[in-house]
């Protein structure tokens, strides 16, 4: 059973790590996922400090996604068969 989120970010990350392990993901993939989450949090904190609000987060995220993957997030979801 997954741990209940108590507001402690470290506990939440460990709960997600355990969930991914149960789903068969290896430690290297999980570590990279954790680094990605940390980097994303640093980036959104920086955006917040510069006054980014509301839908602007989505716009900036979409621009980064398209630069990284060569497609819009909606196109990527469609390719992977993931509904929003």
PDB file of N, CA and C in Angstrom:
ATOM      1  N   UNK A   1       0.845  -1.181   0.000  1.00  0.00           N
ATOM      2  CA  UNK A   1       0.000   0.000   0.000  1.00  0.00           C
ATOM      3  C   UNK A   1       0.887   1.239   0.000  1.00  0.00           C
ATOM      4  N   UNK A   2       0.461   2.275  -0.734  1.00  0.00           N
ATOM      5  CA  UNK A   2       1.216   3.512  -0.812  1.00  0.00           C
ATOM      6  C   UNK A   2       1.082   4.300   0.480  1.00  0.00           C
ATOM      7  N   UNK A   3       2.182   4.993   0.848  1.00  0.00           N
ATOM      8  CA  UNK A   3       2.148   5.849   2.028  1.00  0.00           C
ATOM      9  C   UNK A   3       1.222   7.030   1.771  1.00  0.00           C
ATOM     10  N   UNK A   4       0.596   7.479   2.807  1.00  0.00           N
ATOM     11  CA  UNK A   4      -0.273   8.652   2.726  1.00  0.00           C
ATOM     12  C   UNK A   4       0.600   9.890   2.759  1.00  0.00           C
ATOM     13  N   UNK A   5       0.301  10.846   1.887  1.00  0.00           N
ATOM     14  CA  UNK A   5       1.075  12.084   1.850  1.00  0.00           C
ATOM     15  C   UNK A   5       0.772  12.887   3.098  1.00  0.00           C
ATOM     16  N   UNK A   6       1.834  13.263   3.823  1.00  0.00           N
ATOM     17  CA  UNK A   6       1.677  13.994   5.079  1.00  0.00           C
ATOM     18  C   UNK A   6       2.159  15.431   4.971  1.00  0.00           C
ATOM     19  N   UNK A   7       2.575  15.844   3.772  1.00  0.00           N
ATOM     20  CA  UNK A   7       3.110  17.186   3.608  1.00  0.00           C
ATOM     21  C   UNK A   7       4.619  17.207   3.618  1.00  0.00           C
ATOM     22  N   UNK A   8       5.258  16.098   3.929  1.00  0.00           N
ATOM     23  CA  UNK A   8       6.710  15.974   3.952  1.00  0.00           C
ATOM     24  C   UNK A   8       7.172  15.529   2.568  1.00  0.00           C
ATOM     25  N   UNK A   9       7.878  16.409   1.860  1.00  0.00           N
ATOM     26  CA  UNK A   9       8.303  16.124   0.489  1.00  0.00           C
ATOM     27  C   UNK A   9       9.189  14.877   0.419  1.00  0.00           C
ATOM     28  N   UNK A  10      10.052  14.703   1.402  1.00  0.00           N
ATOM     29  CA  UNK A  10      10.937  13.530   1.398  1.00  0.00           C
ATOM     30  C   UNK A  10      10.136  12.235   1.520  1.00  0.00           C
ATOM     31  N   UNK A  11       9.142  12.213   2.393  1.00  0.00           N
ATOM     32  CA  UNK A  11       8.288  11.031   2.538  1.00  0.00           C
ATOM     33  C   UNK A  11       7.492  10.764   1.264  1.00  0.00           C
ATOM     34  N   UNK A  12       7.028  11.832   0.638  1.00  0.00           N
ATOM     35  CA  UNK A  12       6.259  11.685  -0.601  1.00  0.00           C
ATOM     36  C   UNK A  12       7.140  11.099  -1.705  1.00  0.00           C
ATOM     37  N   UNK A  13       8.379  11.578  -1.813  1.00  0.00           N
ATOM     38  CA  UNK A  13       9.292  11.042  -2.831  1.00  0.00           C
ATOM     39  C   UNK A  13       9.604   9.571  -2.566  1.00  0.00           C
ATOM     40  N   UNK A  14       9.779   9.210  -1.305  1.00  0.00           N
ATOM     41  CA  UNK A  14      10.054   7.807  -0.970  1.00  0.00           C
ATOM     42  C   UNK A  14       8.843   6.938  -1.282  1.00  0.00           C
ATOM     43  N   UNK A  15       7.652   7.439  -1.009  1.00  0.00           N
ATOM     44  CA  UNK A  15       6.434   6.689  -1.330  1.00  0.00           C
ATOM     45  C   UNK A  15       6.335   6.453  -2.836  1.00  0.00           C
ATOM     46  N   UNK A  16       6.660   7.477  -3.623  1.00  0.00           N
ATOM     47  CA  UNK A  16       6.629   7.324  -5.079  1.00  0.00           C
ATOM     48  C   UNK A  16       7.724   6.362  -5.538  1.00  0.00           C
ATOM     49  N   UNK A  17       8.892   6.429  -4.917  1.00  0.00           N
ATOM     50  CA  UNK A  17       9.977   5.501  -5.250  1.00  0.00           C
ATOM     51  C   UNK A  17       9.527   4.062  -5.035  1.00  0.00           C
ATOM     52  N   UNK A  18       8.904   3.805  -3.901  1.00  0.00           N
ATOM     53  CA  UNK A  18       8.413   2.461  -3.601  1.00  0.00           C
ATOM     54  C   UNK A  18       7.347   2.028  -4.599  1.00  0.00           C
ATOM     55  N   UNK A  19       6.469   2.946  -4.963  1.00  0.00           N
ATOM     56  CA  UNK A  19       5.421   2.628  -5.944  1.00  0.00           C
ATOM     57  C   UNK A  19       6.049   2.227  -7.280  1.00  0.00           C
ATOM     58  N   UNK A  20       7.041   3.012  -7.750  1.00  0.00           N
ATOM     59  CA  UNK A  20       7.692   2.689  -9.015  1.00  0.00           C
ATOM     60  C   UNK A  20       8.459   1.377  -8.945  1.00  0.00           C
ATOM     61  N   UNK A  21       9.079   1.074  -7.808  1.00  0.00           N
ATOM     62  CA  UNK A  21       9.759  -0.214  -7.643  1.00  0.00           C
ATOM     63  C   UNK A  21       8.768  -1.361  -7.784  1.00  0.00           C
ATOM     64  N   UNK A  22       7.608  -1.232  -7.134  1.00  0.00           N
ATOM     65  CA  UNK A  22       6.572  -2.276  -7.241  1.00  0.00           C
ATOM     66  C   UNK A  22       6.072  -2.436  -8.676  1.00  0.00           C
ATOM     67  N   UNK A  23       6.108  -1.345  -9.432  1.00  0.00           N
ATOM     68  CA  UNK A  23       5.659  -1.399 -10.820  1.00  0.00           C
ATOM     69  C   UNK A  23       6.744  -1.932 -11.758  1.00  0.00           C
ATOM     70  N   UNK A  24       7.936  -2.217 -11.217  1.00  0.00           N
ATOM     71  CA  UNK A  24       8.993  -2.835 -11.999  1.00  0.00           C
ATOM     72  C   UNK A  24      10.030  -1.896 -12.584  1.00  0.00           C
ATOM     73  N   UNK A  25       9.975  -0.614 -12.241  1.00  0.00           N
ATOM     74  CA  UNK A  25      10.987   0.319 -12.720  1.00  0.00           C
ATOM     75  C   UNK A  25      12.295   0.063 -11.975  1.00  0.00           C
ATOM     76  N   UNK A  26      13.418   0.225 -12.664  1.00  0.00           N
ATOM     77  CA  UNK A  26      14.702  -0.007 -11.989  1.00  0.00           C
ATOM     78  C   UNK A  26      15.182   1.260 -11.280  1.00  0.00           C
ATOM     79  N   UNK A  27      16.171   1.073 -10.410  1.00  0.00           N
ATOM     80  CA  UNK A  27      16.671   2.176  -9.585  1.00  0.00           C
ATOM     81  C   UNK A  27      17.225   3.326 -10.429  1.00  0.00           C
ATOM     82  N   UNK A  28      17.889   3.019 -11.538  1.00  0.00           N
ATOM     83  CA  UNK A  28      18.451   4.076 -12.379  1.00  0.00           C
ATOM     84  C   UNK A  28      17.346   4.967 -12.943  1.00  0.00           C
ATOM     85  N   UNK A  29      16.256   4.347 -13.397  1.00  0.00           N
ATOM     86  CA  UNK A  29      15.130   5.122 -13.928  1.00  0.00           C
ATOM     87  C   UNK A  29      14.523   5.974 -12.827  1.00  0.00           C
ATOM     88  N   UNK A  30      14.351   5.398 -11.639  1.00  0.00           N
ATOM     89  CA  UNK A  30      13.762   6.127 -10.507  1.00  0.00           C
ATOM     90  C   UNK A  30      14.648   7.302 -10.111  1.00  0.00           C
ATOM     91  N   UNK A  31      15.951   7.086 -10.064  1.00  0.00           N
ATOM     92  CA  UNK A  31      16.886   8.168  -9.710  1.00  0.00           C
ATOM     93  C   UNK A  31      16.775   9.306 -10.719  1.00  0.00           C
ATOM     94  N   UNK A  32      16.720   8.970 -12.010  1.00  0.00           N
ATOM     95  CA  UNK A  32      16.593  10.011 -13.031  1.00  0.00           C
ATOM     96  C   UNK A  32      15.270  10.748 -12.884  1.00  0.00           C
ATOM     97  N   UNK A  33      14.199  10.028 -12.561  1.00  0.00           N
ATOM     98  CA  UNK A  33      12.889  10.641 -12.338  1.00  0.00           C
ATOM     99  C   UNK A  33      12.985  11.638 -11.179  1.00  0.00           C
ATOM    100  N   UNK A  34      13.664  11.250 -10.085  1.00  0.00           N
ATOM    101  CA  UNK A  34      13.808  12.129  -8.929  1.00  0.00           C
ATOM    102  C   UNK A  34      14.602  13.388  -9.291  1.00  0.00           C
ATOM    103  N   UNK A  35      15.654  13.234 -10.076  1.00  0.00           N
ATOM    104  CA  UNK A  35      16.450  14.391 -10.517  1.00  0.00           C
ATOM    105  C   UNK A  35      15.584  15.315 -11.371  1.00  0.00           C
ATOM    106  N   UNK A  36      14.796  14.729 -12.255  1.00  0.00           N
ATOM    107  CA  UNK A  36      13.914  15.513 -13.122  1.00  0.00           C
ATOM    108  C   UNK A  36      12.907  16.303 -12.308  1.00  0.00           C
ATOM    109  N   UNK A  37      12.317  15.678 -11.294  1.00  0.00           N
ATOM    110  CA  UNK A  37      11.346  16.363 -10.435  1.00  0.00           C
ATOM    111  C   UNK A  37      12.025  17.523  -9.703  1.00  0.00           C
ATOM    112  N   UNK A  38      13.215  17.295  -9.173  1.00  0.00           N
ATOM    113  CA  UNK A  38      13.943  18.346  -8.476  1.00  0.00           C
ATOM    114  C   UNK A  38      14.270  19.515  -9.391  1.00  0.00           C
ATOM    115  N   UNK A  39      14.705  19.207 -10.596  1.00  0.00           N
ATOM    116  CA  UNK A  39      15.031  20.251 -11.572  1.00  0.00           C
ATOM    117  C   UNK A  39      13.783  21.041 -11.951  1.00  0.00           C
ATOM    118  N   UNK A  40      12.683  20.326 -12.180  1.00  0.00           N
ATOM    119  CA  UNK A  40      11.436  21.007 -12.515  1.00  0.00           C
ATOM    120  C   UNK A  40      11.002  21.931 -11.381  1.00  0.00           C
ATOM    121  N   UNK A  41      11.137  21.479 -10.146  1.00  0.00           N
ATOM    122  CA  UNK A  41      10.756  22.319  -9.004  1.00  0.00           C
ATOM    123  C   UNK A  41      11.627  23.571  -8.909  1.00  0.00           C
ATOM    124  N   UNK A  42      12.920  23.422  -9.175  1.00  0.00           N
ATOM    125  CA  UNK A  42      13.807  24.593  -9.173  1.00  0.00           C
ATOM    126  C   UNK A  42      13.387  25.582 -10.264  1.00  0.00           C
ATOM    127  N   UNK A  43      13.059  25.048 -11.429  1.00  0.00           N
ATOM    128  CA  UNK A  43      12.657  25.898 -12.541  1.00  0.00           C
ATOM    129  C   UNK A  43      11.359  26.634 -12.238  1.00  0.00           C
ATOM    130  N   UNK A  44      10.355  25.931 -11.736  1.00  0.00           N
ATOM    131  CA  UNK A  44       9.088  26.598 -11.444  1.00  0.00           C
ATOM    132  C   UNK A  44       9.223  27.576 -10.285  1.00  0.00           C
ATOM    133  N   UNK A  45      10.098  27.292  -9.327  1.00  0.00           N
ATOM    134  CA  UNK A  45      10.368  28.263  -8.255  1.00  0.00           C
ATOM    135  C   UNK A  45      10.972  29.538  -8.829  1.00  0.00           C
ATOM    136  N   UNK A  46      11.888  29.384  -9.791  1.00  0.00           N
ATOM    137  CA  UNK A  46      12.500  30.545 -10.437  1.00  0.00           C
ATOM    138  C   UNK A  46      11.444  31.337 -11.208  1.00  0.00           C
ATOM    139  N   UNK A  47      10.589  30.637 -11.930  1.00  0.00           N
ATOM    140  CA  UNK A  47       9.520  31.318 -12.661  1.00  0.00           C
ATOM    141  C   UNK A  47       8.635  32.107 -11.698  1.00  0.00           C
ATOM    142  N   UNK A  48       8.298  31.476 -10.575  1.00  0.00           N
ATOM    143  CA  UNK A  48       7.442  32.146  -9.590  1.00  0.00           C
ATOM    144  C   UNK A  48       8.116  33.417  -9.079  1.00  0.00           C
ATOM    145  N   UNK A  49       9.417  33.339  -8.806  1.00  0.00           N
ATOM    146  CA  UNK A  49      10.138  34.506  -8.297  1.00  0.00           C
ATOM    147  C   UNK A  49      10.191  35.635  -9.327  1.00  0.00           C
ATOM    148  N   UNK A  50       9.994  35.283 -10.597  1.00  0.00           N
ATOM    149  CA  UNK A  50      10.010  36.283 -11.670  1.00  0.00           C
ATOM    150  C   UNK A  50       8.606  36.722 -12.071  1.00  0.00           C
ATOM    151  N   UNK A  51       7.594  36.280 -11.308  1.00  0.00           N
ATOM    152  CA  UNK A  51       6.235  36.760 -11.531  1.00  0.00           C
ATOM    153  C   UNK A  51       5.376  35.944 -12.472  1.00  0.00           C
ATOM    154  N   UNK A  52       5.829  34.759 -12.854  1.00  0.00           N
ATOM    155  CA  UNK A  52       5.010  33.906 -13.718  1.00  0.00           C
ATOM    156  C   UNK A  52       3.775  33.478 -12.943  1.00  0.00           C
ATOM    157  N   UNK A  53       2.617  33.497 -13.621  1.00  0.00           N
ATOM    158  CA  UNK A  53       1.360  33.153 -12.959  1.00  0.00           C
ATOM    159  C   UNK A  53       0.481  32.308 -13.865  1.00  0.00           C
ATOM    160  N   UNK A  54      -0.360  31.495 -13.246  1.00  0.00           N
ATOM    161  CA  UNK A  54      -1.425  30.763 -13.929  1.00  0.00           C
ATOM    162  C   UNK A  54      -1.015  30.044 -15.200  1.00  0.00           C
ATOM    163  N   UNK A  55      -1.690  30.388 -16.292  1.00  0.00           N
ATOM    164  CA  UNK A  55      -1.497  29.702 -17.568  1.00  0.00           C
ATOM    165  C   UNK A  55      -0.099  29.892 -18.146  1.00  0.00           C
ATOM    166  N   UNK A  56       0.627  30.895 -17.658  1.00  0.00           N
ATOM    167  CA  UNK A  56       1.988  31.116 -18.144  1.00  0.00           C
ATOM    168  C   UNK A  56       2.877  29.910 -17.872  1.00  0.00           C
ATOM    169  N   UNK A  57       2.635  29.199 -16.772  1.00  0.00           N
ATOM    170  CA  UNK A  57       3.404  27.989 -16.474  1.00  0.00           C
ATOM    171  C   UNK A  57       3.223  26.968 -17.593  1.00  0.00           C
ATOM    172  N   UNK A  58       1.986  26.771 -18.003  1.00  0.00           N
ATOM    173  CA  UNK A  58       1.699  25.816 -19.071  1.00  0.00           C
ATOM    174  C   UNK A  58       2.347  26.206 -20.377  1.00  0.00           C
ATOM    175  N   UNK A  59       2.324  27.479 -20.689  1.00  0.00           N
ATOM    176  CA  UNK A  59       2.935  27.966 -21.924  1.00  0.00           C
ATOM    177  C   UNK A  59       4.439  27.709 -21.905  1.00  0.00           C
ATOM    178  N   UNK A  60       5.100  28.090 -20.801  1.00  0.00           N
ATOM    179  CA  UNK A  60       6.544  27.874 -20.695  1.00  0.00           C
ATOM    180  C   UNK A  60       6.890  26.380 -20.726  1.00  0.00           C
ATOM    181  N   UNK A  61       6.116  25.575 -20.037  1.00  0.00           N
ATOM    182  CA  UNK A  61       6.352  24.137 -20.022  1.00  0.00           C
ATOM    183  C   UNK A  61       6.199  23.553 -21.421  1.00  0.00           C
ATOM    184  N   UNK A  62       5.186  23.995 -22.154  1.00  0.00           N
ATOM    185  CA  UNK A  62       4.965  23.494 -23.513  1.00  0.00           C
ATOM    186  C   UNK A  62       6.128  23.858 -24.436  1.00  0.00           C
ATOM    187  N   UNK A  63       6.673  25.064 -24.287  1.00  0.00           N
ATOM    188  CA  UNK A  63       7.810  25.483 -25.111  1.00  0.00           C
ATOM    189  C   UNK A  63       9.021  24.592 -24.820  1.00  0.00           C
ATOM    190  N   UNK A  64       9.283  24.333 -23.548  1.00  0.00           N
ATOM    191  CA  UNK A  64      10.406  23.460 -23.174  1.00  0.00           C
ATOM    192  C   UNK A  64      10.175  22.044 -23.686  1.00  0.00           C
ATOM    193  N   UNK A  65       8.960  21.550 -23.540  1.00  0.00           N
ATOM    194  CA  UNK A  65       8.627  20.188 -23.990  1.00  0.00           C
ATOM    195  C   UNK A  65       8.858  20.055 -25.495  1.00  0.00           C
ATOM    196  N   UNK A  66       8.370  21.025 -26.245  1.00  0.00           N
ATOM    197  CA  UNK A  66       8.527  20.965 -27.701  1.00  0.00           C
ATOM    198  C   UNK A  66      10.004  21.027 -28.085  1.00  0.00           C
ATOM    199  N   UNK A  67      10.790  21.825 -27.382  1.00  0.00           N
ATOM    200  CA  UNK A  67      12.222  21.878 -27.656  1.00  0.00           C
ATOM    201  C   UNK A  67      12.929  20.571 -27.338  1.00  0.00           C
ATOM    202  N   UNK A  68      12.494  19.910 -26.280  1.00  0.00           N
ATOM    203  CA  UNK A  68      13.132  18.665 -25.862  1.00  0.00           C
ATOM    204  C   UNK A  68      12.712  17.474 -26.709  1.00  0.00           C
ATOM    205  N   UNK A  69      11.428  17.406 -27.071  1.00  0.00           N
ATOM    206  CA  UNK A  69      10.901  16.219 -27.739  1.00  0.00           C
ATOM    207  C   UNK A  69      10.501  16.438 -29.193  1.00  0.00           C
ATOM    208  N   UNK A  70      10.545  17.694 -29.648  1.00  0.00           N
ATOM    209  CA  UNK A  70      10.206  17.963 -31.032  1.00  0.00           C
ATOM    210  C   UNK A  70       8.723  17.866 -31.346  1.00  0.00           C
ATOM    211  N   UNK A  71       7.905  17.892 -30.310  1.00  0.00           N
ATOM    212  CA  UNK A  71       6.456  17.857 -30.494  1.00  0.00           C
ATOM    213  C   UNK A  71       5.783  18.520 -29.306  1.00  0.00           C
ATOM    214  N   UNK A  72       4.565  18.984 -29.538  1.00  0.00           N
ATOM    215  CA  UNK A  72       3.796  19.612 -28.469  1.00  0.00           C
ATOM    216  C   UNK A  72       3.379  18.548 -27.453  1.00  0.00           C
ATOM    217  N   UNK A  73       3.127  18.937 -26.193  1.00  0.00           N
ATOM    218  CA  UNK A  73       2.691  17.956 -25.199  1.00  0.00           C
ATOM    219  C   UNK A  73       1.447  17.176 -25.649  1.00  0.00           C
ATOM    220  N   UNK A  74       0.499  17.844 -26.291  1.00  0.00           N
ATOM    221  CA  UNK A  74      -0.710  17.146 -26.761  1.00  0.00           C
ATOM    222  C   UNK A  74      -0.369  16.089 -27.809  1.00  0.00           C
ATOM    223  N   UNK A  75       0.588  16.392 -28.692  1.00  0.00           N
ATOM    224  CA  UNK A  75       1.024  15.417 -29.692  1.00  0.00           C
ATOM    225  C   UNK A  75       1.737  14.244 -29.031  1.00  0.00           C
ATOM    226  N   UNK A  76       2.513  14.542 -28.003  1.00  0.00           N
ATOM    227  CA  UNK A  76       3.234  13.489 -27.280  1.00  0.00           C
ATOM    228  C   UNK A  76       2.256  12.560 -26.560  1.00  0.00           C
ATOM    229  N   UNK A  77       1.235  13.163 -25.909  1.00  0.00           N
ATOM    230  CA  UNK A  77       0.217  12.341 -25.238  1.00  0.00           C
ATOM    231  C   UNK A  77      -0.491  11.447 -26.246  1.00  0.00           C
ATOM    232  N   UNK A  78      -0.801  11.995 -27.411  1.00  0.00           N
ATOM    233  CA  UNK A  78      -1.498  11.209 -28.439  1.00  0.00           C
ATOM    234  C   UNK A  78      -0.608  10.060 -28.908  1.00  0.00           C
ATOM    235  N   UNK A  79       0.676  10.338 -29.143  1.00  0.00           N
ATOM    236  CA  UNK A  79       1.619   9.312 -29.560  1.00  0.00           C
ATOM    237  C   UNK A  79       1.684   8.175 -28.550  1.00  0.00           C
ATOM    238  N   UNK A  80       1.694   8.544 -27.256  1.00  0.00           N
ATOM    239  CA  UNK A  80       1.795   7.541 -26.192  1.00  0.00           C
ATOM    240  C   UNK A  80       0.442   6.934 -25.821  1.00  0.00           C
ATOM    241  N   UNK A  81      -0.645   7.480 -26.383  1.00  0.00           N
ATOM    242  CA  UNK A  81      -1.967   6.963 -26.069  1.00  0.00           C
ATOM    243  C   UNK A  81      -2.427   7.334 -24.669  1.00  0.00           C
ATOM    244  N   UNK A  82      -2.005   8.511 -24.203  1.00  0.00           N
ATOM    245  CA  UNK A  82      -2.341   8.974 -22.863  1.00  0.00           C
ATOM    246  C   UNK A  82      -3.370  10.085 -22.952  1.00  0.00           C
ATOM    247  N   UNK A  83      -4.442   9.947 -22.226  1.00  0.00           N
ATOM    248  CA  UNK A  83      -5.479  10.988 -22.178  1.00  0.00           C
ATOM    249  C   UNK A  83      -5.093  12.003 -21.114  1.00  0.00           C
ATOM    250  N   UNK A  84      -5.468  13.253 -21.328  1.00  0.00           N
ATOM    251  CA  UNK A  84      -5.190  14.284 -20.321  1.00  0.00           C
ATOM    252  C   UNK A  84      -6.253  14.273 -19.281  1.00  0.00           C
TER     253      UNK A  84
END
